[in-house]
Amino acid sequence: MKEKAKVLDNEALSRSLIRIAHEILEKNKGTDELCLIGIRTRGAYLARRLADCIKRIDNALVPVGSLDITLYRDDLTLVAAQPVVHKTEIGFDITAKNVILVDDVLYTGRTIRAALDALIDFGRPKNIQLAVLIDRGHRELPIRADFVGKNIPTAQSETVEVRLQEVDGKDEVAIVEKG
């Protein structure tokens, strides 16, 4: 794979998260009944970072959880013969809450569909809003994000790599040409 372009560096990624945090607070009129749930793996780290941004802005602690959607995927047999299931960690009740579902890249919408199915198994939220760092288009399902860090038009032959300090040792987003 060949890197075509770097679309967010460390500072731009940080600014995007701060802006999304402000938008979440504005749309939800504060943090009452608000919680963040990140889709594993990078969405979970982004959810924690958004919670930190919200704390700095509003001085409020927002519950944060992480969601593994492996068993809810519609392409499970294509992923691996023995898919690895990670732990879902939601240590609070989501019933009647404003849930912000967080992911790194919104592409076809299938990951979000699986996440919605998984979330409903944990309770009945008041509403579910979607926050993504990158929206790259090419939707296959009628799903859109409520909060977007950056829209990046891409070709089908490209992929968007979100690299985070916690996983990859650096913060950046790049467009990569598939082999």
C-alpha atoms as a PDB file:
ATOM      1  CA  MET A   1       0.000   0.000   0.000  1.00  0.00           C
ATOM      2  CA  LYS A   2       1.242   3.434  -0.936  1.00  0.00           C
ATOM      3  CA  GLU A   3       0.393   6.554   1.065  1.00  0.00           C
ATOM      4  CA  LYS A   4      -1.149   9.153  -1.257  1.00  0.00           C
ATOM      5  CA  ALA A   5      -1.819  12.013   1.135  1.00  0.00           C
ATOM      6  CA  LYS A   6      -1.786  12.950   4.780  1.00  0.00           C
ATOM      7  CA  VAL A   7      -5.122  14.649   5.470  1.00  0.00           C
ATOM      8  CA  LEU A   8      -4.853  15.316   9.217  1.00  0.00           C
ATOM      9  CA  ASP A   9      -1.769  15.755  11.328  1.00  0.00           C
ATOM     10  CA  ASN A  10      -1.632  15.651  15.120  1.00  0.00           C
ATOM     11  CA  GLU A  11      -2.817  19.246  15.574  1.00  0.00           C
ATOM     12  CA  ALA A  12      -5.614  19.030  12.994  1.00  0.00           C
ATOM     13  CA  LEU A  13      -6.882  15.785  14.533  1.00  0.00           C
ATOM     14  CA  SER A  14      -6.907  17.395  17.967  1.00  0.00           C
ATOM     15  CA  ARG A  15      -8.762  20.479  16.660  1.00  0.00           C
ATOM     16  CA  SER A  16     -11.353  18.233  14.996  1.00  0.00           C
ATOM     17  CA  LEU A  17     -12.062  16.440  18.279  1.00  0.00           C
ATOM     18  CA  ILE A  18     -12.369  19.722  20.182  1.00  0.00           C
ATOM     19  CA  ARG A  19     -14.823  21.022  17.566  1.00  0.00           C
ATOM     20  CA  ILE A  20     -16.866  17.797  17.685  1.00  0.00           C
ATOM     21  CA  ALA A  21     -16.982  18.035  21.502  1.00  0.00           C
ATOM     22  CA  HIS A  22     -18.323  21.607  21.259  1.00  0.00           C
ATOM     23  CA  GLU A  23     -20.938  20.495  18.710  1.00  0.00           C
ATOM     24  CA  ILE A  24     -22.024  17.580  20.930  1.00  0.00           C
ATOM     25  CA  LEU A  25     -22.450  19.915  23.906  1.00  0.00           C
ATOM     26  CA  GLU A  26     -24.379  22.454  21.828  1.00  0.00           C
ATOM     27  CA  LYS A  27     -26.729  19.929  20.234  1.00  0.00           C
ATOM     28  CA  ASN A  28     -27.408  18.172  23.551  1.00  0.00           C
ATOM     29  CA  LYS A  29     -27.598  21.381  25.594  1.00  0.00           C
ATOM     30  CA  GLY A  30     -24.908  20.183  27.985  1.00  0.00           C
ATOM     31  CA  THR A  31     -24.046  16.806  29.446  1.00  0.00           C
ATOM     32  CA  ASP A  32     -27.270  15.745  31.203  1.00  0.00           C
ATOM     33  CA  GLU A  33     -28.117  12.171  30.208  1.00  0.00           C
ATOM     34  CA  LEU A  34     -25.132  12.123  27.815  1.00  0.00           C
ATOM     35  CA  CYS A  35     -22.790   9.165  27.335  1.00  0.00           C
ATOM     36  CA  LEU A  36     -20.154   8.212  24.775  1.00  0.00           C
ATOM     37  CA  ILE A  37     -19.670   4.719  23.367  1.00  0.00           C
ATOM     38  CA  GLY A  38     -16.787   4.043  21.022  1.00  0.00           C
ATOM     39  CA  ILE A  39     -16.666   1.218  18.503  1.00  0.00           C
ATOM     40  CA  ARG A  40     -13.555  -0.884  19.053  1.00  0.00           C
ATOM     41  CA  THR A  41     -10.758  -0.260  18.421  1.00  0.00           C
ATOM     42  CA  ARG A  42     -10.032   3.316  17.392  1.00  0.00           C
ATOM     43  CA  GLY A  43     -13.558   4.561  18.045  1.00  0.00           C
ATOM     44  CA  ALA A  44     -13.132   3.604  21.708  1.00  0.00           C
ATOM     45  CA  TYR A  45      -9.981   5.728  21.986  1.00  0.00           C
ATOM     46  CA  LEU A  46     -11.667   8.621  20.187  1.00  0.00           C
ATOM     47  CA  ALA A  47     -14.638   8.395  22.593  1.00  0.00           C
ATOM     48  CA  ARG A  48     -12.262   8.705  25.567  1.00  0.00           C
ATOM     49  CA  ARG A  49     -10.578  11.699  23.956  1.00  0.00           C
ATOM     50  CA  LEU A  50     -13.953  13.344  23.306  1.00  0.00           C
ATOM     51  CA  ALA A  51     -14.885  12.802  26.956  1.00  0.00           C
ATOM     52  CA  ASP A  52     -11.623  14.520  27.948  1.00  0.00           C
ATOM     53  CA  CYS A  53     -12.433  17.444  25.624  1.00  0.00           C
ATOM     54  CA  ILE A  54     -15.942  17.723  27.102  1.00  0.00           C
ATOM     55  CA  LYS A  55     -14.473  17.727  30.623  1.00  0.00           C
ATOM     56  CA  ARG A  56     -12.104  20.577  29.687  1.00  0.00           C
ATOM     57  CA  ILE A  57     -14.911  22.562  28.024  1.00  0.00           C
ATOM     58  CA  ASP A  58     -17.804  21.927  30.417  1.00  0.00           C
ATOM     59  CA  ASN A  59     -16.051  20.573  33.528  1.00  0.00           C
ATOM     60  CA  ALA A  60     -18.360  17.550  33.455  1.00  0.00           C
ATOM     61  CA  LEU A  61     -17.577  13.844  33.500  1.00  0.00           C
ATOM     62  CA  VAL A  62     -19.381  11.921  30.780  1.00  0.00           C
ATOM     63  CA  PRO A  63     -19.582   8.117  31.041  1.00  0.00           C
ATOM     64  CA  VAL A  64     -17.575   6.353  28.328  1.00  0.00           C
ATOM     65  CA  GLY A  65     -17.919   2.797  27.101  1.00  0.00           C
ATOM     66  CA  SER A  66     -16.551   0.648  24.318  1.00  0.00           C
ATOM     67  CA  LEU A  67     -18.477  -1.650  22.026  1.00  0.00           C
ATOM     68  CA  ASP A  68     -17.271  -4.731  20.174  1.00  0.00           C
ATOM     69  CA  ILE A  69     -19.442  -5.414  17.131  1.00  0.00           C
ATOM     70  CA  THR A  70     -17.668  -8.508  15.801  1.00  0.00           C
ATOM     71  CA  LEU A  71     -20.608 -10.887  16.240  1.00  0.00           C
ATOM     72  CA  TYR A  72     -23.075  -8.362  14.782  1.00  0.00           C
ATOM     73  CA  ARG A  73     -21.252  -7.918  11.467  1.00  0.00           C
ATOM     74  CA  ASP A  74     -23.005  -9.019   8.276  1.00  0.00           C
ATOM     75  CA  ASP A  75     -19.655 -10.031   6.769  1.00  0.00           C
ATOM     76  CA  LEU A  76     -18.474 -12.173   9.681  1.00  0.00           C
ATOM     77  CA  THR A  77     -17.630 -15.149   7.470  1.00  0.00           C
ATOM     78  CA  LEU A  78     -15.513 -12.907   5.224  1.00  0.00           C
ATOM     79  CA  VAL A  79     -13.516 -11.407   8.117  1.00  0.00           C
ATOM     80  CA  ALA A  80     -11.812 -14.574   9.397  1.00  0.00           C
ATOM     81  CA  ALA A  81     -12.414 -18.269   9.996  1.00  0.00           C
ATOM     82  CA  GLN A  82     -12.120 -17.613  13.747  1.00  0.00           C
ATOM     83  CA  PRO A  83     -12.907 -13.919  14.325  1.00  0.00           C
ATOM     84  CA  VAL A  84     -11.435 -12.382  17.458  1.00  0.00           C
ATOM     85  CA  VAL A  85     -14.111 -11.093  19.811  1.00  0.00           C
ATOM     86  CA  HIS A  86     -13.037  -8.312  22.148  1.00  0.00           C
ATOM     87  CA  LYS A  87     -14.699  -7.139  25.302  1.00  0.00           C
ATOM     88  CA  THR A  88     -17.607  -4.733  25.278  1.00  0.00           C
ATOM     89  CA  GLU A  89     -17.322  -2.424  28.267  1.00  0.00           C
ATOM     90  CA  ILE A  90     -20.416  -0.402  29.059  1.00  0.00           C
ATOM     91  CA  GLY A  91     -20.478   0.036  32.816  1.00  0.00           C
ATOM     92  CA  PHE A  92     -23.614   2.164  32.924  1.00  0.00           C
ATOM     93  CA  ASP A  93     -27.254   1.949  31.865  1.00  0.00           C
ATOM     94  CA  ILE A  94     -27.914   3.490  28.444  1.00  0.00           C
ATOM     95  CA  THR A  95     -31.698   3.461  28.889  1.00  0.00           C
ATOM     96  CA  ALA A  96     -33.157   6.947  28.332  1.00  0.00           C
ATOM     97  CA  LYS A  97     -29.679   8.369  27.630  1.00  0.00           C
ATOM     98  CA  ASN A  98     -28.409  10.449  24.724  1.00  0.00           C
ATOM     99  CA  VAL A  99     -25.821   8.029  23.363  1.00  0.00           C
ATOM    100  CA  ILE A 100     -23.041   9.368  21.176  1.00  0.00           C
ATOM    101  CA  LEU A 101     -21.732   6.443  19.133  1.00  0.00           C
ATOM    102  CA  VAL A 102     -18.125   7.164  18.110  1.00  0.00           C
ATOM    103  CA  ASP A 103     -16.115   5.658  15.252  1.00  0.00           C
ATOM    104  CA  ASP A 104     -13.019   6.607  13.331  1.00  0.00           C
ATOM    105  CA  VAL A 105     -14.180   6.291   9.686  1.00  0.00           C
ATOM    106  CA  LEU A 106     -17.680   6.228   8.221  1.00  0.00           C
ATOM    107  CA  TYR A 107     -17.649   4.378   4.913  1.00  0.00           C
ATOM    108  CA  THR A 108     -20.422   2.006   3.773  1.00  0.00           C
ATOM    109  CA  GLY A 109     -22.463   2.303   6.976  1.00  0.00           C
ATOM    110  CA  ARG A 110     -22.362  -1.419   7.710  1.00  0.00           C
ATOM    111  CA  THR A 111     -20.204  -1.043  10.835  1.00  0.00           C
ATOM    112  CA  ILE A 112     -22.652   1.504  12.228  1.00  0.00           C
ATOM    113  CA  ARG A 113     -25.615  -0.755  11.436  1.00  0.00           C
ATOM    114  CA  ALA A 114     -23.928  -3.550  13.391  1.00  0.00           C
ATOM    115  CA  ALA A 115     -23.175  -1.156  16.259  1.00  0.00           C
ATOM    116  CA  LEU A 116     -26.813  -0.039  16.422  1.00  0.00           C
ATOM    117  CA  ASP A 117     -27.919  -3.678  16.671  1.00  0.00           C
ATOM    118  CA  ALA A 118     -25.366  -4.306  19.430  1.00  0.00           C
ATOM    119  CA  LEU A 119     -26.306  -1.149  21.373  1.00  0.00           C
ATOM    120  CA  ILE A 120     -29.986  -2.038  21.514  1.00  0.00           C
ATOM    121  CA  ASP A 121     -29.026  -5.216  23.377  1.00  0.00           C
ATOM    122  CA  PHE A 122     -27.851  -2.957  26.244  1.00  0.00           C
ATOM    123  CA  GLY A 123     -31.004  -0.894  26.657  1.00  0.00           C
ATOM    124  CA  ARG A 124     -33.285   1.618  24.971  1.00  0.00           C
ATOM    125  CA  PRO A 125     -31.536   4.981  24.645  1.00  0.00           C
ATOM    126  CA  LYS A 126     -33.500   8.208  24.305  1.00  0.00           C
ATOM    127  CA  ASN A 127     -31.556   8.730  21.084  1.00  0.00           C
ATOM    128  CA  ILE A 128     -28.363   7.669  19.361  1.00  0.00           C
ATOM    129  CA  GLN A 129     -26.167  10.192  17.593  1.00  0.00           C
ATOM    130  CA  LEU A 130     -23.125   9.355  15.490  1.00  0.00           C
ATOM    131  CA  ALA A 131     -19.744  11.082  15.743  1.00  0.00           C
ATOM    132  CA  VAL A 132     -16.986  10.139  13.296  1.00  0.00           C
ATOM    133  CA  LEU A 133     -13.542  11.548  12.760  1.00  0.00           C
ATOM    134  CA  ILE A 134     -13.666  10.924   8.984  1.00  0.00           C
ATOM    135  CA  ASP A 135     -16.585  10.556   6.564  1.00  0.00           C
ATOM    136  CA  ARG A 136     -15.253   9.165   3.292  1.00  0.00           C
ATOM    137  CA  GLY A 137     -18.549   8.602   1.466  1.00  0.00           C
ATOM    138  CA  HIS A 138     -19.565   5.488  -0.531  1.00  0.00           C
ATOM    139  CA  ARG A 139     -22.565   4.659   1.668  1.00  0.00           C
ATOM    140  CA  GLU A 140     -24.389   1.377   1.085  1.00  0.00           C
ATOM    141  CA  LEU A 141     -26.926   1.996   3.847  1.00  0.00           C
ATOM    142  CA  PRO A 142     -28.929   5.144   4.682  1.00  0.00           C
ATOM    143  CA  ILE A 143     -26.698   6.200   7.577  1.00  0.00           C
ATOM    144  CA  ARG A 144     -25.211   9.652   8.185  1.00  0.00           C
ATOM    145  CA  ALA A 145     -23.115  11.140  10.942  1.00  0.00           C
ATOM    146  CA  ASP A 146     -24.383  13.896  13.227  1.00  0.00           C
ATOM    147  CA  PHE A 147     -20.828  15.075  13.965  1.00  0.00           C
ATOM    148  CA  VAL A 148     -17.950  14.828  11.473  1.00  0.00           C
ATOM    149  CA  GLY A 149     -14.332  15.804  11.960  1.00  0.00           C
ATOM    150  CA  LYS A 150     -13.557  15.918   8.246  1.00  0.00           C
ATOM    151  CA  ASN A 151     -15.254  14.854   5.013  1.00  0.00           C
ATOM    152  CA  ILE A 152     -12.741  13.251   2.660  1.00  0.00           C
ATOM    153  CA  PRO A 153     -13.936  12.209  -0.799  1.00  0.00           C
ATOM    154  CA  THR A 154     -12.155   8.994  -1.731  1.00  0.00           C
ATOM    155  CA  ALA A 155     -12.011   6.513  -4.575  1.00  0.00           C
ATOM    156  CA  GLN A 156     -13.007   2.886  -4.020  1.00  0.00           C
ATOM    157  CA  SER A 157      -9.361   1.966  -4.688  1.00  0.00           C
ATOM    158  CA  GLU A 158      -8.273   4.003  -1.658  1.00  0.00           C
ATOM    159  CA  THR A 159      -8.519   3.437   2.058  1.00  0.00           C
ATOM    160  CA  VAL A 160      -8.414   5.901   4.931  1.00  0.00           C
ATOM    161  CA  GLU A 161      -6.031   5.037   7.742  1.00  0.00           C
ATOM    162  CA  VAL A 162      -6.637   6.686  11.100  1.00  0.00           C
ATOM    163  CA  ARG A 163      -3.511   6.346  13.189  1.00  0.00           C
ATOM    164  CA  LEU A 164      -3.804   7.053  16.896  1.00  0.00           C
ATOM    165  CA  GLN A 165      -1.092   7.373  19.524  1.00  0.00           C
ATOM    166  CA  GLU A 166      -2.659   4.639  21.685  1.00  0.00           C
ATOM    167  CA  VAL A 167      -2.504   2.037  18.885  1.00  0.00           C
ATOM    168  CA  ASP A 168      -0.063   3.282  16.253  1.00  0.00           C
ATOM    169  CA  GLY A 169       2.318   5.535  18.168  1.00  0.00           C
ATOM    170  CA  LYS A 170       1.251   8.725  16.341  1.00  0.00           C
ATOM    171  CA  ASP A 171      -1.827  10.810  15.572  1.00  0.00           C
ATOM    172  CA  GLU A 172      -2.618  11.319  11.892  1.00  0.00           C
ATOM    173  CA  VAL A 173      -4.995  10.404   9.101  1.00  0.00           C
ATOM    174  CA  ALA A 174      -3.777   9.363   5.669  1.00  0.00           C
ATOM    175  CA  ILE A 175      -5.267   8.237   2.368  1.00  0.00           C
ATOM    176  CA  VAL A 176      -3.601   5.049   1.141  1.00  0.00           C
ATOM    177  CA  GLU A 177      -3.821   3.461  -2.305  1.00  0.00           C
ATOM    178  CA  LYS A 178      -4.791  -0.220  -2.046  1.00  0.00           C
ATOM    179  CA  GLY A 179      -2.159  -2.636  -3.419  1.00  0.00           C
END
